[in-house]
Amino acid sequence: MNPNLKRLTCGLGLLVLLAGCGSESNPVAPGPIPPLSSIVVSPAADTLDVGETRQFTAVALDTAGDPYTGRLVWTSTDDGVFTVGSTGLVTARGEGSAQLVVSGGGQSDVATILVYPTTSGWVVQTSNAAEDLRDVFADADGRLVWVVGDGGLVLLSGDGGATWTRRVPSTYDLHGVWFTSACLGEAGAVVADYRLADTE
């Protein structure tokens, strides 16, 4: 073999060896998520104070109905309200409301997250009620909220206003609501002795 060719071959071999000796390792890209039949995020709604964190979870089933425990994609519809990590850990960043979306394998689910400012006091909420609202009552921690209004409207929130349940037990305009007692029943159901005041 030609001595120049020998040196060139040895030089190329040394370059190949050095090229593979970099200080950075090549990251392994995550594998694809297989087709899923469903994803359910929990809790479906929550309220947080600015700076607070909360762990959300998701139950996913593959197309055979078996639990899928691999990677899912977590996103926030507004990073100014909250951010979310790759495991579903939410960090509240600023006042407002946004959606937490978990997706993968052609499926997705959404949770509503309401973030309050760190200062205490009243916060503007959206009830989506067309009726005029007349009075509000909230428990000491602000999670259980009752609102009454015209046409017998009663709105109830168990998560500080992130979601509302609508009831219309009367056709009369309701102008006041208060509680004489309250206790927490099984499965988080609130049992309360309440009075709706009609002051037409």
C-alpha atoms as a PDB file:
ATOM      1  CA  MET A   1       0.000   0.000   0.000  1.00  0.00           C
ATOM      2  CA  ASN A   2       1.190   3.497  -0.813  1.00  0.00           C
ATOM      3  CA  PRO A   3       2.664   5.185   2.348  1.00  0.00           C
ATOM      4  CA  ASN A   4       0.719   8.407   1.642  1.00  0.00           C
ATOM      5  CA  LEU A   5      -2.510   6.434   1.341  1.00  0.00           C
ATOM      6  CA  LYS A   6      -1.714   4.656   4.646  1.00  0.00           C
ATOM      7  CA  ARG A   7      -1.267   8.009   6.407  1.00  0.00           C
ATOM      8  CA  LEU A   8      -4.493   9.352   4.858  1.00  0.00           C
ATOM      9  CA  THR A   9      -6.432   6.245   5.971  1.00  0.00           C
ATOM     10  CA  CYS A  10      -5.061   6.525   9.538  1.00  0.00           C
ATOM     11  CA  GLY A  11      -5.880  10.262   9.587  1.00  0.00           C
ATOM     12  CA  LEU A  12      -9.467   9.654   8.461  1.00  0.00           C
ATOM     13  CA  GLY A  13      -9.892   6.942  11.098  1.00  0.00           C
ATOM     14  CA  LEU A  14      -8.656   9.317  13.802  1.00  0.00           C
ATOM     15  CA  LEU A  15     -11.101  12.026  12.633  1.00  0.00           C
ATOM     16  CA  VAL A  16     -14.004   9.557  12.785  1.00  0.00           C
ATOM     17  CA  LEU A  17     -13.029   8.579  16.337  1.00  0.00           C
ATOM     18  CA  LEU A  18     -12.718  12.216  17.447  1.00  0.00           C
ATOM     19  CA  ALA A  19     -16.065  13.143  15.883  1.00  0.00           C
ATOM     20  CA  GLY A  20     -17.783  10.624  18.148  1.00  0.00           C
ATOM     21  CA  CYS A  21     -16.069  11.915  21.312  1.00  0.00           C
ATOM     22  CA  GLY A  22     -17.959  15.173  21.810  1.00  0.00           C
ATOM     23  CA  SER A  23     -18.868  16.335  25.319  1.00  0.00           C
ATOM     24  CA  GLU A  24     -22.607  16.560  24.560  1.00  0.00           C
ATOM     25  CA  SER A  25     -24.691  13.419  24.408  1.00  0.00           C
ATOM     26  CA  ASN A  26     -27.319  13.072  21.735  1.00  0.00           C
ATOM     27  CA  PRO A  27     -30.751  13.284  23.403  1.00  0.00           C
ATOM     28  CA  VAL A  28     -33.155  10.477  22.615  1.00  0.00           C
ATOM     29  CA  ALA A  29     -36.393  11.755  21.134  1.00  0.00           C
ATOM     30  CA  PRO A  30     -39.499  10.450  22.908  1.00  0.00           C
ATOM     31  CA  GLY A  31     -41.289   7.681  21.058  1.00  0.00           C
ATOM     32  CA  PRO A  32     -44.657   8.244  19.437  1.00  0.00           C
ATOM     33  CA  ILE A  33     -47.797   7.950  21.540  1.00  0.00           C
ATOM     34  CA  PRO A  34     -49.906   4.970  20.417  1.00  0.00           C
ATOM     35  CA  PRO A  35     -53.582   5.431  19.459  1.00  0.00           C
ATOM     36  CA  LEU A  36     -55.727   5.941  22.575  1.00  0.00           C
ATOM     37  CA  SER A  37     -59.453   5.457  23.111  1.00  0.00           C
ATOM     38  CA  SER A  38     -59.834   8.054  25.901  1.00  0.00           C
ATOM     39  CA  ILE A  39     -58.093  10.517  28.212  1.00  0.00           C
ATOM     40  CA  VAL A  40     -59.700  11.952  31.372  1.00  0.00           C
ATOM     41  CA  VAL A  41     -57.980  14.740  33.328  1.00  0.00           C
ATOM     42  CA  SER A  42     -58.535  15.185  37.066  1.00  0.00           C
ATOM     43  CA  PRO A  43     -59.660  17.438  38.606  1.00  0.00           C
ATOM     44  CA  ALA A  44     -61.862  18.843  35.828  1.00  0.00           C
ATOM     45  CA  ALA A  45     -61.717  22.343  37.328  1.00  0.00           C
ATOM     46  CA  ASP A  46     -59.756  24.055  40.090  1.00  0.00           C
ATOM     47  CA  THR A  47     -58.839  27.435  41.537  1.00  0.00           C
ATOM     48  CA  LEU A  48     -55.326  28.510  42.521  1.00  0.00           C
ATOM     49  CA  ASP A  49     -53.667  31.577  43.989  1.00  0.00           C
ATOM     50  CA  VAL A  50     -50.823  33.189  42.054  1.00  0.00           C
ATOM     51  CA  GLY A  51     -47.642  31.249  42.812  1.00  0.00           C
ATOM     52  CA  GLU A  52     -49.480  28.110  43.954  1.00  0.00           C
ATOM     53  CA  THR A  53     -48.831  24.734  42.316  1.00  0.00           C
ATOM     54  CA  ARG A  54     -51.203  21.804  41.815  1.00  0.00           C
ATOM     55  CA  GLN A  55     -50.615  18.317  40.406  1.00  0.00           C
ATOM     56  CA  PHE A  56     -53.169  17.243  37.795  1.00  0.00           C
ATOM     57  CA  THR A  57     -53.451  13.650  36.644  1.00  0.00           C
ATOM     58  CA  ALA A  58     -54.792  11.962  33.536  1.00  0.00           C
ATOM     59  CA  VAL A  59     -56.137   8.453  33.037  1.00  0.00           C
ATOM     60  CA  ALA A  60     -55.617   7.209  29.482  1.00  0.00           C
ATOM     61  CA  LEU A  61     -56.819   3.977  27.891  1.00  0.00           C
ATOM     62  CA  ASP A  62     -55.434   2.397  24.750  1.00  0.00           C
ATOM     63  CA  THR A  63     -57.668   1.044  21.991  1.00  0.00           C
ATOM     64  CA  ALA A  64     -57.848  -2.352  23.758  1.00  0.00           C
ATOM     65  CA  GLY A  65     -59.187  -0.631  26.913  1.00  0.00           C
ATOM     66  CA  ASP A  66     -55.961  -1.165  28.862  1.00  0.00           C
ATOM     67  CA  PRO A  67     -54.389   1.652  30.921  1.00  0.00           C
ATOM     68  CA  TYR A  68     -51.716   3.623  29.073  1.00  0.00           C
ATOM     69  CA  THR A  69     -48.995   4.903  31.413  1.00  0.00           C
ATOM     70  CA  GLY A  70     -46.626   6.471  28.906  1.00  0.00           C
ATOM     71  CA  ARG A  71     -45.989  10.077  27.968  1.00  0.00           C
ATOM     72  CA  LEU A  72     -48.864  12.541  27.374  1.00  0.00           C
ATOM     73  CA  VAL A  73     -48.673  16.157  26.207  1.00  0.00           C
ATOM     74  CA  TRP A  74     -49.732  18.844  28.736  1.00  0.00           C
ATOM     75  CA  THR A  75     -50.356  22.425  27.567  1.00  0.00           C
ATOM     76  CA  SER A  76     -51.829  25.672  28.861  1.00  0.00           C
ATOM     77  CA  THR A  77     -54.036  27.849  26.663  1.00  0.00           C
ATOM     78  CA  ASP A  78     -52.527  30.928  28.372  1.00  0.00           C
ATOM     79  CA  ASP A  79     -49.022  30.784  29.883  1.00  0.00           C
ATOM     80  CA  GLY A  80     -49.664  34.181  31.483  1.00  0.00           C
ATOM     81  CA  VAL A  81     -52.313  32.544  33.717  1.00  0.00           C
ATOM     82  CA  PHE A  82     -50.506  29.254  34.408  1.00  0.00           C
ATOM     83  CA  THR A  83     -47.762  27.035  33.053  1.00  0.00           C
ATOM     84  CA  VAL A  84     -47.697  23.247  33.105  1.00  0.00           C
ATOM     85  CA  GLY A  85     -44.830  20.756  33.157  1.00  0.00           C
ATOM     86  CA  SER A  86     -44.534  17.476  31.291  1.00  0.00           C
ATOM     87  CA  THR A  87     -46.056  15.530  34.215  1.00  0.00           C
ATOM     88  CA  GLY A  88     -49.141  17.753  34.729  1.00  0.00           C
ATOM     89  CA  LEU A  89     -47.746  19.980  37.499  1.00  0.00           C
ATOM     90  CA  VAL A  90     -49.471  23.372  37.124  1.00  0.00           C
ATOM     91  CA  THR A  91     -47.930  26.623  38.404  1.00  0.00           C
ATOM     92  CA  ALA A  92     -50.243  29.655  38.688  1.00  0.00           C
ATOM     93  CA  ARG A  93     -48.587  32.745  37.150  1.00  0.00           C
ATOM     94  CA  GLY A  94     -51.202  35.517  36.919  1.00  0.00           C
ATOM     95  CA  GLU A  95     -54.851  36.331  37.532  1.00  0.00           C
ATOM     96  CA  GLY A  96     -57.304  34.934  35.009  1.00  0.00           C
ATOM     97  CA  SER A  97     -58.846  31.784  33.633  1.00  0.00           C
ATOM     98  CA  ALA A  98     -57.374  29.339  31.127  1.00  0.00           C
ATOM     99  CA  GLN A  99     -57.703  25.747  29.983  1.00  0.00           C
ATOM    100  CA  LEU A 100     -55.348  22.899  30.824  1.00  0.00           C
ATOM    101  CA  VAL A 101     -55.208  20.501  27.864  1.00  0.00           C
ATOM    102  CA  VAL A 102     -53.820  16.963  28.038  1.00  0.00           C
ATOM    103  CA  SER A 103     -53.548  15.128  24.725  1.00  0.00           C
ATOM    104  CA  GLY A 104     -52.008  12.187  22.954  1.00  0.00           C
ATOM    105  CA  GLY A 105     -52.834   9.312  20.663  1.00  0.00           C
ATOM    106  CA  GLY A 106     -55.630  11.228  18.927  1.00  0.00           C
ATOM    107  CA  GLN A 107     -57.497  12.011  22.173  1.00  0.00           C
ATOM    108  CA  SER A 108     -57.610  14.966  24.572  1.00  0.00           C
ATOM    109  CA  ASP A 109     -59.372  16.335  27.652  1.00  0.00           C
ATOM    110  CA  VAL A 110     -59.580  19.790  29.205  1.00  0.00           C
ATOM    111  CA  ALA A 111     -59.662  21.200  32.746  1.00  0.00           C
ATOM    112  CA  THR A 112     -60.597  24.790  33.612  1.00  0.00           C
ATOM    113  CA  ILE A 113     -58.213  26.609  35.949  1.00  0.00           C
ATOM    114  CA  LEU A 114     -59.049  29.914  37.603  1.00  0.00           C
ATOM    115  CA  VAL A 115     -56.141  31.852  39.147  1.00  0.00           C
ATOM    116  CA  TYR A 116     -56.747  34.477  41.820  1.00  0.00           C
ATOM    117  CA  PRO A 117     -54.361  37.300  42.691  1.00  0.00           C
ATOM    118  CA  THR A 118     -52.400  36.867  45.926  1.00  0.00           C
ATOM    119  CA  THR A 119     -54.387  39.678  47.552  1.00  0.00           C
ATOM    120  CA  SER A 120     -57.585  38.673  49.297  1.00  0.00           C
ATOM    121  CA  GLY A 121     -61.026  40.049  48.573  1.00  0.00           C
ATOM    122  CA  TRP A 122     -63.627  39.874  45.830  1.00  0.00           C
ATOM    123  CA  VAL A 123     -62.662  38.850  42.317  1.00  0.00           C
ATOM    124  CA  VAL A 124     -64.769  39.408  39.185  1.00  0.00           C
ATOM    125  CA  GLN A 125     -66.211  36.115  37.865  1.00  0.00           C
ATOM    126  CA  THR A 126     -68.076  35.191  34.680  1.00  0.00           C
ATOM    127  CA  SER A 127     -71.349  33.392  35.418  1.00  0.00           C
ATOM    128  CA  ASN A 128     -72.715  33.270  31.841  1.00  0.00           C
ATOM    129  CA  ALA A 129     -76.157  34.084  33.280  1.00  0.00           C
ATOM    130  CA  ALA A 130     -78.403  36.415  31.263  1.00  0.00           C
ATOM    131  CA  GLU A 131     -80.452  37.306  34.372  1.00  0.00           C
ATOM    132  CA  ASP A 132     -79.555  40.153  36.731  1.00  0.00           C
ATOM    133  CA  LEU A 133     -77.713  38.831  39.788  1.00  0.00           C
ATOM    134  CA  ARG A 134     -78.766  40.255  43.174  1.00  0.00           C
ATOM    135  CA  ASP A 135     -76.763  38.668  46.009  1.00  0.00           C
ATOM    136  CA  VAL A 136     -73.811  36.384  46.673  1.00  0.00           C
ATOM    137  CA  PHE A 137     -72.696  34.229  49.594  1.00  0.00           C
ATOM    138  CA  ALA A 138     -69.359  32.446  49.931  1.00  0.00           C
ATOM    139  CA  ASP A 139     -68.028  30.160  52.647  1.00  0.00           C
ATOM    140  CA  ALA A 140     -64.944  31.119  54.648  1.00  0.00           C
ATOM    141  CA  ASP A 141     -62.412  29.692  52.179  1.00  0.00           C
ATOM    142  CA  GLY A 142     -64.241  31.082  49.126  1.00  0.00           C
ATOM    143  CA  ARG A 143     -64.685  27.740  47.361  1.00  0.00           C
ATOM    144  CA  LEU A 144     -68.448  27.265  47.946  1.00  0.00           C
ATOM    145  CA  VAL A 145     -70.327  30.178  46.384  1.00  0.00           C
ATOM    146  CA  TRP A 146     -74.062  30.797  45.987  1.00  0.00           C
ATOM    147  CA  VAL A 147     -75.467  33.563  43.754  1.00  0.00           C
ATOM    148  CA  VAL A 148     -79.160  34.475  43.368  1.00  0.00           C
ATOM    149  CA  GLY A 149     -80.954  36.695  40.884  1.00  0.00           C
ATOM    150  CA  ASP A 150     -84.008  37.498  38.819  1.00  0.00           C
ATOM    151  CA  GLY A 151     -86.439  34.832  37.637  1.00  0.00           C
ATOM    152  CA  GLY A 152     -85.587  32.502  40.539  1.00  0.00           C
ATOM    153  CA  LEU A 153     -82.022  31.999  39.380  1.00  0.00           C
ATOM    154  CA  VAL A 154     -79.644  30.203  41.769  1.00  0.00           C
ATOM    155  CA  LEU A 155     -76.024  29.580  40.756  1.00  0.00           C
ATOM    156  CA  LEU A 156     -73.783  27.305  42.820  1.00  0.00           C
ATOM    157  CA  SER A 157     -70.037  26.855  42.539  1.00  0.00           C
ATOM    158  CA  GLY A 158     -68.028  24.390  44.583  1.00  0.00           C
ATOM    159  CA  ASP A 159     -64.664  25.451  43.135  1.00  0.00           C
ATOM    160  CA  GLY A 160     -64.566  29.186  43.792  1.00  0.00           C
ATOM    161  CA  GLY A 161     -66.263  30.142  40.517  1.00  0.00           C
ATOM    162  CA  ALA A 162     -64.275  28.046  38.038  1.00  0.00           C
ATOM    163  CA  THR A 163     -67.532  26.224  37.167  1.00  0.00           C
ATOM    164  CA  TRP A 164     -71.179  26.928  37.989  1.00  0.00           C
ATOM    165  CA  THR A 165     -74.305  24.786  38.420  1.00  0.00           C
ATOM    166  CA  ARG A 166     -77.541  26.518  37.456  1.00  0.00           C
ATOM    167  CA  ARG A 167     -80.828  25.970  39.312  1.00  0.00           C
ATOM    168  CA  VAL A 168     -84.195  27.714  39.036  1.00  0.00           C
ATOM    169  CA  PRO A 169     -86.287  26.584  42.041  1.00  0.00           C
ATOM    170  CA  SER A 170     -88.675  29.550  41.829  1.00  0.00           C
ATOM    171  CA  THR A 171     -90.099  32.001  39.309  1.00  0.00           C
ATOM    172  CA  TYR A 172     -89.810  34.908  41.748  1.00  0.00           C
ATOM    173  CA  ASP A 173     -86.896  37.338  41.687  1.00  0.00           C
ATOM    174  CA  LEU A 174     -84.463  36.383  44.463  1.00  0.00           C
ATOM    175  CA  HIS A 175     -82.703  39.222  46.263  1.00  0.00           C
ATOM    176  CA  GLY A 176     -80.759  37.541  49.064  1.00  0.00           C
ATOM    177  CA  VAL A 177     -79.080  34.307  50.117  1.00  0.00           C
ATOM    178  CA  TRP A 178     -77.496  33.302  53.431  1.00  0.00           C
ATOM    179  CA  PHE A 179     -76.692  30.144  55.376  1.00  0.00           C
ATOM    180  CA  THR A 180     -77.664  29.256  58.925  1.00  0.00           C
ATOM    181  CA  SER A 181     -75.409  26.158  58.939  1.00  0.00           C
ATOM    182  CA  ALA A 182     -73.330  24.075  56.568  1.00  0.00           C
ATOM    183  CA  CYS A 183     -71.446  20.787  56.674  1.00  0.00           C
ATOM    184  CA  LEU A 184     -69.603  18.653  54.174  1.00  0.00           C
ATOM    185  CA  GLY A 185     -71.391  15.386  53.352  1.00  0.00           C
ATOM    186  CA  GLU A 186     -70.176  12.195  51.696  1.00  0.00           C
ATOM    187  CA  ALA A 187     -68.223  12.415  48.431  1.00  0.00           C
ATOM    188  CA  GLY A 188     -67.806  16.170  48.909  1.00  0.00           C
ATOM    189  CA  ALA A 189     -71.527  16.905  48.538  1.00  0.00           C
ATOM    190  CA  VAL A 190     -72.393  20.061  50.423  1.00  0.00           C
ATOM    191  CA  VAL A 191     -75.374  19.781  52.727  1.00  0.00           C
ATOM    192  CA  ALA A 192     -76.642  23.146  53.816  1.00  0.00           C
ATOM    193  CA  ASP A 193     -79.663  24.721  55.435  1.00  0.00           C
ATOM    194  CA  TYR A 194     -80.146  27.815  53.311  1.00  0.00           C
ATOM    195  CA  ARG A 195     -82.817  30.438  52.909  1.00  0.00           C
ATOM    196  CA  LEU A 196     -83.642  32.280  49.701  1.00  0.00           C
ATOM    197  CA  ALA A 197     -85.178  35.661  50.358  1.00  0.00           C
ATOM    198  CA  ASP A 198     -87.829  37.026  48.008  1.00  0.00           C
ATOM    199  CA  THR A 199     -88.214  40.738  48.700  1.00  0.00           C
ATOM    200  CA  GLU A 200     -90.330  41.874  45.753  1.00  0.00           C
END
